[in-house]
């Protein structure tokens, strides 16, 4: 399930799905309105030991400001 909320400082997108083994996974992304920063939160409760969770992001490119 995907939902989005727009507030005075940022737009927040919440994605809820299942992770490996059927456990719940919740990802929250905050897109700040006046700043190029994007904040990510990942919630993975009760993942099996010794599961390693890795996130890869592409290298930053030039910032394109919208007019």
PDB file of N, CA and C in Angstrom:
ATOM      1  N   UNK A   1       0.847  -1.164   0.000  1.00  0.00           N
ATOM      2  CA  UNK A   1       0.000   0.000   0.000  1.00  0.00           C
ATOM      3  C   UNK A   1       0.897   1.233   0.000  1.00  0.00           C
ATOM      4  N   UNK A   2       0.535   2.216  -0.792  1.00  0.00           N
ATOM      5  CA  UNK A   2       1.290   3.463  -0.892  1.00  0.00           C
ATOM      6  C   UNK A   2       0.358   4.615  -0.539  1.00  0.00           C
ATOM      7  N   UNK A   3       0.827   5.518   0.321  1.00  0.00           N
ATOM      8  CA  UNK A   3       0.054   6.712   0.637  1.00  0.00           C
ATOM      9  C   UNK A   3       1.005   7.902   0.684  1.00  0.00           C
ATOM     10  N   UNK A   4       0.465   9.091   0.418  1.00  0.00           N
ATOM     11  CA  UNK A   4       1.282  10.297   0.406  1.00  0.00           C
ATOM     12  C   UNK A   4       0.537  11.414   1.128  1.00  0.00           C
ATOM     13  N   UNK A   5       1.306  12.238   1.823  1.00  0.00           N
ATOM     14  CA  UNK A   5       0.765  13.355   2.576  1.00  0.00           C
ATOM     15  C   UNK A   5       1.632  14.576   2.297  1.00  0.00           C
ATOM     16  N   UNK A   6       1.002  15.710   2.055  1.00  0.00           N
ATOM     17  CA  UNK A   6       1.750  16.932   1.804  1.00  0.00           C
ATOM     18  C   UNK A   6       1.504  17.905   2.946  1.00  0.00           C
ATOM     19  N   UNK A   7       2.584  18.362   3.563  1.00  0.00           N
ATOM     20  CA  UNK A   7       2.489  19.309   4.662  1.00  0.00           C
ATOM     21  C   UNK A   7       3.224  20.589   4.308  1.00  0.00           C
ATOM     22  N   UNK A   8       3.324  21.512   5.255  1.00  0.00           N
ATOM     23  CA  UNK A   8       3.952  22.799   4.962  1.00  0.00           C
ATOM     24  C   UNK A   8       5.459  22.710   4.727  1.00  0.00           C
ATOM     25  N   UNK A   9       6.126  21.682   5.260  1.00  0.00           N
ATOM     26  CA  UNK A   9       7.573  21.566   5.126  1.00  0.00           C
ATOM     27  C   UNK A   9       8.027  20.471   4.174  1.00  0.00           C
ATOM     28  N   UNK A  10       7.209  19.427   4.020  1.00  0.00           N
ATOM     29  CA  UNK A  10       7.645  18.286   3.209  1.00  0.00           C
ATOM     30  C   UNK A  10       6.446  17.487   2.730  1.00  0.00           C
ATOM     31  N   UNK A  11       6.696  16.687   1.709  1.00  0.00           N
ATOM     32  CA  UNK A  11       5.737  15.678   1.272  1.00  0.00           C
ATOM     33  C   UNK A  11       6.261  14.343   1.768  1.00  0.00           C
ATOM     34  N   UNK A  12       5.393  13.557   2.385  1.00  0.00           N
ATOM     35  CA  UNK A  12       5.782  12.273   2.948  1.00  0.00           C
ATOM     36  C   UNK A  12       5.085  11.158   2.191  1.00  0.00           C
ATOM     37  N   UNK A  13       5.857  10.168   1.771  1.00  0.00           N
ATOM     38  CA  UNK A  13       5.323   8.990   1.089  1.00  0.00           C
ATOM     39  C   UNK A  13       5.580   7.783   1.988  1.00  0.00           C
ATOM     40  N   UNK A  14       4.535   6.999   2.246  1.00  0.00           N
ATOM     41  CA  UNK A  14       4.641   5.810   3.080  1.00  0.00           C
ATOM     42  C   UNK A  14       4.314   4.592   2.221  1.00  0.00           C
ATOM     43  N   UNK A  15       5.220   3.604   2.222  1.00  0.00           N
ATOM     44  CA  UNK A  15       5.029   2.366   1.470  1.00  0.00           C
ATOM     45  C   UNK A  15       5.042   1.214   2.458  1.00  0.00           C
ATOM     46  N   UNK A  16       3.979   0.432   2.472  1.00  0.00           N
ATOM     47  CA  UNK A  16       3.887  -0.726   3.364  1.00  0.00           C
ATOM     48  C   UNK A  16       3.756  -1.989   2.523  1.00  0.00           C
ATOM     49  N   UNK A  17       4.584  -2.977   2.831  1.00  0.00           N
ATOM     50  CA  UNK A  17       4.562  -4.249   2.108  1.00  0.00           C
ATOM     51  C   UNK A  17       5.119  -5.328   3.027  1.00  0.00           C
ATOM     52  N   UNK A  18       5.470  -6.472   2.442  1.00  0.00           N
ATOM     53  CA  UNK A  18       6.074  -7.543   3.227  1.00  0.00           C
ATOM     54  C   UNK A  18       7.531  -7.704   2.838  1.00  0.00           C
ATOM     55  N   UNK A  19       8.318  -8.148   3.800  1.00  0.00           N
ATOM     56  CA  UNK A  19       9.741  -8.380   3.614  1.00  0.00           C
ATOM     57  C   UNK A  19       9.956  -9.879   3.493  1.00  0.00           C
ATOM     58  N   UNK A  20      11.179 -10.270   3.245  1.00  0.00           N
ATOM     59  CA  UNK A  20      11.548 -11.684   3.153  1.00  0.00           C
ATOM     60  C   UNK A  20      10.986 -12.452   4.344  1.00  0.00           C
ATOM     61  N   UNK A  21      10.322 -13.565   4.099  1.00  0.00           N
ATOM     62  CA  UNK A  21       9.736 -14.370   5.163  1.00  0.00           C
ATOM     63  C   UNK A  21       8.346 -13.925   5.568  1.00  0.00           C
ATOM     64  N   UNK A  22       7.790 -12.932   4.864  1.00  0.00           N
ATOM     65  CA  UNK A  22       6.427 -12.494   5.153  1.00  0.00           C
ATOM     66  C   UNK A  22       6.306 -11.468   6.266  1.00  0.00           C
ATOM     67  N   UNK A  23       7.423 -10.990   6.797  1.00  0.00           N
ATOM     68  CA  UNK A  23       7.375  -9.991   7.856  1.00  0.00           C
ATOM     69  C   UNK A  23       6.989  -8.626   7.270  1.00  0.00           C
ATOM     70  N   UNK A  24       6.342  -7.771   8.072  1.00  0.00           N
ATOM     71  CA  UNK A  24       5.960  -6.450   7.557  1.00  0.00           C
ATOM     72  C   UNK A  24       7.172  -5.556   7.318  1.00  0.00           C
ATOM     73  N   UNK A  25       7.045  -4.692   6.340  1.00  0.00           N
ATOM     74  CA  UNK A  25       8.090  -3.723   6.009  1.00  0.00           C
ATOM     75  C   UNK A  25       7.401  -2.389   5.752  1.00  0.00           C
ATOM     76  N   UNK A  26       7.896  -1.344   6.390  1.00  0.00           N
ATOM     77  CA  UNK A  26       7.321  -0.007   6.209  1.00  0.00           C
ATOM     78  C   UNK A  26       8.455   0.943   5.862  1.00  0.00           C
ATOM     79  N   UNK A  27       8.302   1.638   4.731  1.00  0.00           N
ATOM     80  CA  UNK A  27       9.306   2.607   4.288  1.00  0.00           C
ATOM     81  C   UNK A  27       8.652   3.984   4.240  1.00  0.00           C
ATOM     82  N   UNK A  28       9.330   4.958   4.819  1.00  0.00           N
ATOM     83  CA  UNK A  28       8.821   6.331   4.853  1.00  0.00           C
ATOM     84  C   UNK A  28       9.861   7.237   4.203  1.00  0.00           C
ATOM     85  N   UNK A  29       9.429   8.049   3.252  1.00  0.00           N
ATOM     86  CA  UNK A  29      10.321   8.980   2.565  1.00  0.00           C
ATOM     87  C   UNK A  29       9.782  10.390   2.744  1.00  0.00           C
ATOM     88  N   UNK A  30      10.643  11.305   3.151  1.00  0.00           N
ATOM     89  CA  UNK A  30      10.278  12.708   3.339  1.00  0.00           C
ATOM     90  C   UNK A  30      10.993  13.532   2.268  1.00  0.00           C
ATOM     91  N   UNK A  31      10.228  14.173   1.396  1.00  0.00           N
ATOM     92  CA  UNK A  31      10.766  15.033   0.346  1.00  0.00           C
ATOM     93  C   UNK A  31      10.568  16.475   0.804  1.00  0.00           C
ATOM     94  N   UNK A  32      11.650  17.125   1.215  1.00  0.00           N
ATOM     95  CA  UNK A  32      11.580  18.478   1.767  1.00  0.00           C
ATOM     96  C   UNK A  32      11.316  19.498   0.668  1.00  0.00           C
ATOM     97  N   UNK A  33      10.426  20.453   0.937  1.00  0.00           N
ATOM     98  CA  UNK A  33       9.995  21.412  -0.091  1.00  0.00           C
ATOM     99  C   UNK A  33      11.057  22.433  -0.465  1.00  0.00           C
ATOM    100  N   UNK A  34      11.802  22.941   0.478  1.00  0.00           N
ATOM    101  CA  UNK A  34      12.770  24.007   0.203  1.00  0.00           C
ATOM    102  C   UNK A  34      14.212  23.520   0.280  1.00  0.00           C
ATOM    103  N   UNK A  35      14.413  22.214   0.168  1.00  0.00           N
ATOM    104  CA  UNK A  35      15.760  21.660   0.300  1.00  0.00           C
ATOM    105  C   UNK A  35      15.834  20.384  -0.541  1.00  0.00           C
ATOM    106  N   UNK A  36      16.971  20.079  -1.173  1.00  0.00           N
ATOM    107  CA  UNK A  36      17.061  18.876  -2.005  1.00  0.00           C
ATOM    108  C   UNK A  36      17.157  17.576  -1.202  1.00  0.00           C
ATOM    109  N   UNK A  37      17.202  17.666   0.110  1.00  0.00           N
ATOM    110  CA  UNK A  37      17.345  16.479   0.959  1.00  0.00           C
ATOM    111  C   UNK A  37      16.107  15.586   0.878  1.00  0.00           C
ATOM    112  N   UNK A  38      16.347  14.289   0.850  1.00  0.00           N
ATOM    113  CA  UNK A  38      15.285  13.282   0.955  1.00  0.00           C
ATOM    114  C   UNK A  38      15.660  12.394   2.129  1.00  0.00           C
ATOM    115  N   UNK A  39      14.770  12.294   3.116  1.00  0.00           N
ATOM    116  CA  UNK A  39      15.029  11.479   4.303  1.00  0.00           C
ATOM    117  C   UNK A  39      14.294  10.145   4.164  1.00  0.00           C
ATOM    118  N   UNK A  40      14.988   9.055   4.492  1.00  0.00           N
ATOM    119  CA  UNK A  40      14.418   7.710   4.393  1.00  0.00           C
ATOM    120  C   UNK A  40      14.369   7.066   5.766  1.00  0.00           C
ATOM    121  N   UNK A  41      13.282   6.366   6.048  1.00  0.00           N
ATOM    122  CA  UNK A  41      13.167   5.555   7.255  1.00  0.00           C
ATOM    123  C   UNK A  41      12.699   4.170   6.819  1.00  0.00           C
ATOM    124  N   UNK A  42      13.277   3.129   7.391  1.00  0.00           N
ATOM    125  CA  UNK A  42      12.860   1.754   7.107  1.00  0.00           C
ATOM    126  C   UNK A  42      12.550   1.062   8.420  1.00  0.00           C
ATOM    127  N   UNK A  43      11.396   0.442   8.503  1.00  0.00           N
ATOM    128  CA  UNK A  43      10.999  -0.298   9.697  1.00  0.00           C
ATOM    129  C   UNK A  43      10.871  -1.771   9.319  1.00  0.00           C
ATOM    130  N   UNK A  44      11.706  -2.602   9.921  1.00  0.00           N
ATOM    131  CA  UNK A  44      11.702  -4.046   9.664  1.00  0.00           C
ATOM    132  C   UNK A  44      11.671  -4.782  11.003  1.00  0.00           C
ATOM    133  N   UNK A  45      10.502  -4.922  11.609  1.00  0.00           N
ATOM    134  CA  UNK A  45      10.438  -5.596  12.897  1.00  0.00           C
ATOM    135  C   UNK A  45      10.601  -7.114  12.752  1.00  0.00           C
ATOM    136  N   UNK A  46      11.253  -7.710  13.722  1.00  0.00           N
ATOM    137  CA  UNK A  46      11.363  -9.176  13.824  1.00  0.00           C
ATOM    138  C   UNK A  46      11.968  -9.843  12.593  1.00  0.00           C
ATOM    139  N   UNK A  47      13.027  -9.261  12.019  1.00  0.00           N
ATOM    140  CA  UNK A  47      13.674  -9.947  10.911  1.00  0.00           C
ATOM    141  C   UNK A  47      14.538 -11.077  11.468  1.00  0.00           C
ATOM    142  N   UNK A  48      14.631 -12.190  10.765  1.00  0.00           N
ATOM    143  CA  UNK A  48      15.375 -13.340  11.280  1.00  0.00           C
ATOM    144  C   UNK A  48      16.869 -13.036  11.441  1.00  0.00           C
ATOM    145  N   UNK A  49      17.439 -13.528  12.507  1.00  0.00           N
ATOM    146  CA  UNK A  49      18.882 -13.405  12.731  1.00  0.00           C
ATOM    147  C   UNK A  49      19.563 -14.431  11.842  1.00  0.00           C
ATOM    148  N   UNK A  50      20.581 -14.213  11.136  1.00  0.00           N
ATOM    149  CA  UNK A  50      21.451 -13.056  10.955  1.00  0.00           C
ATOM    150  C   UNK A  50      21.190 -12.316   9.647  1.00  0.00           C
ATOM    151  N   UNK A  51      19.959 -11.947   9.343  1.00  0.00           N
ATOM    152  CA  UNK A  51      19.639 -11.245   8.102  1.00  0.00           C
ATOM    153  C   UNK A  51      20.354  -9.898   8.042  1.00  0.00           C
ATOM    154  N   UNK A  52      20.968  -9.612   6.923  1.00  0.00           N
ATOM    155  CA  UNK A  52      21.637  -8.329   6.705  1.00  0.00           C
ATOM    156  C   UNK A  52      20.806  -7.556   5.684  1.00  0.00           C
ATOM    157  N   UNK A  53      20.420  -6.352   6.040  1.00  0.00           N
ATOM    158  CA  UNK A  53      19.628  -5.505   5.153  1.00  0.00           C
ATOM    159  C   UNK A  53      20.542  -4.401   4.637  1.00  0.00           C
ATOM    160  N   UNK A  54      20.603  -4.253   3.312  1.00  0.00           N
ATOM    161  CA  UNK A  54      21.490  -3.283   2.678  1.00  0.00           C
ATOM    162  C   UNK A  54      20.653  -2.379   1.777  1.00  0.00           C
ATOM    163  N   UNK A  55      20.973  -1.100   1.787  1.00  0.00           N
ATOM    164  CA  UNK A  55      20.321  -0.149   0.881  1.00  0.00           C
ATOM    165  C   UNK A  55      21.396   0.484   0.014  1.00  0.00           C
ATOM    166  N   UNK A  56      21.164   0.499  -1.293  1.00  0.00           N
ATOM    167  CA  UNK A  56      22.118   1.107  -2.220  1.00  0.00           C
ATOM    168  C   UNK A  56      21.452   2.296  -2.889  1.00  0.00           C
ATOM    169  N   UNK A  57      22.185   3.378  -2.986  1.00  0.00           N
ATOM    170  CA  UNK A  57      21.696   4.567  -3.643  1.00  0.00           C
ATOM    171  C   UNK A  57      22.691   4.949  -4.727  1.00  0.00           C
ATOM    172  N   UNK A  58      22.208   5.433  -5.864  1.00  0.00           N
ATOM    173  CA  UNK A  58      23.151   5.851  -6.911  1.00  0.00           C
ATOM    174  C   UNK A  58      23.919   7.088  -6.466  1.00  0.00           C
ATOM    175  N   UNK A  59      25.090   7.320  -7.037  1.00  0.00           N
ATOM    176  CA  UNK A  59      25.827   8.531  -6.700  1.00  0.00           C
ATOM    177  C   UNK A  59      25.023   9.782  -7.027  1.00  0.00           C
ATOM    178  N   UNK A  60      25.238  10.811  -6.259  1.00  0.00           N
ATOM    179  CA  UNK A  60      24.480  12.055  -6.460  1.00  0.00           C
ATOM    180  C   UNK A  60      24.871  12.702  -7.793  1.00  0.00           C
ATOM    181  N   UNK A  61      23.886  13.187  -8.475  1.00  0.00           N
ATOM    182  CA  UNK A  61      24.106  13.927  -9.718  1.00  0.00           C
ATOM    183  C   UNK A  61      23.909  15.406  -9.412  1.00  0.00           C
ATOM    184  N   UNK A  62      23.981  16.231 -10.399  1.00  0.00           N
ATOM    185  CA  UNK A  62      23.744  17.648 -10.202  1.00  0.00           C
ATOM    186  C   UNK A  62      22.317  17.904  -9.732  1.00  0.00           C
ATOM    187  N   UNK A  63      22.124  18.965  -8.973  1.00  0.00           N
ATOM    188  CA  UNK A  63      20.801  19.301  -8.453  1.00  0.00           C
ATOM    189  C   UNK A  63      20.062  20.133  -9.489  1.00  0.00           C
ATOM    190  N   UNK A  64      18.849  19.717  -9.824  1.00  0.00           N
ATOM    191  CA  UNK A  64      18.014  20.447 -10.765  1.00  0.00           C
ATOM    192  C   UNK A  64      16.942  21.166  -9.976  1.00  0.00           C
ATOM    193  N   UNK A  65      17.064  22.476  -9.839  1.00  0.00           N
ATOM    194  CA  UNK A  65      16.051  23.255  -9.146  1.00  0.00           C
ATOM    195  C   UNK A  65      14.907  23.557 -10.087  1.00  0.00           C
ATOM    196  N   UNK A  66      13.708  23.378  -9.591  1.00  0.00           N
ATOM    197  CA  UNK A  66      12.525  23.716 -10.392  1.00  0.00           C
ATOM    198  C   UNK A  66      12.275  25.218 -10.302  1.00  0.00           C
ATOM    199  N   UNK A  67      11.802  25.822 -11.397  1.00  0.00           N
ATOM    200  CA  UNK A  67      11.534  27.276 -11.351  1.00  0.00           C
ATOM    201  C   UNK A  67      10.357  27.604 -10.468  1.00  0.00           C
TER     202      UNK A  67
END
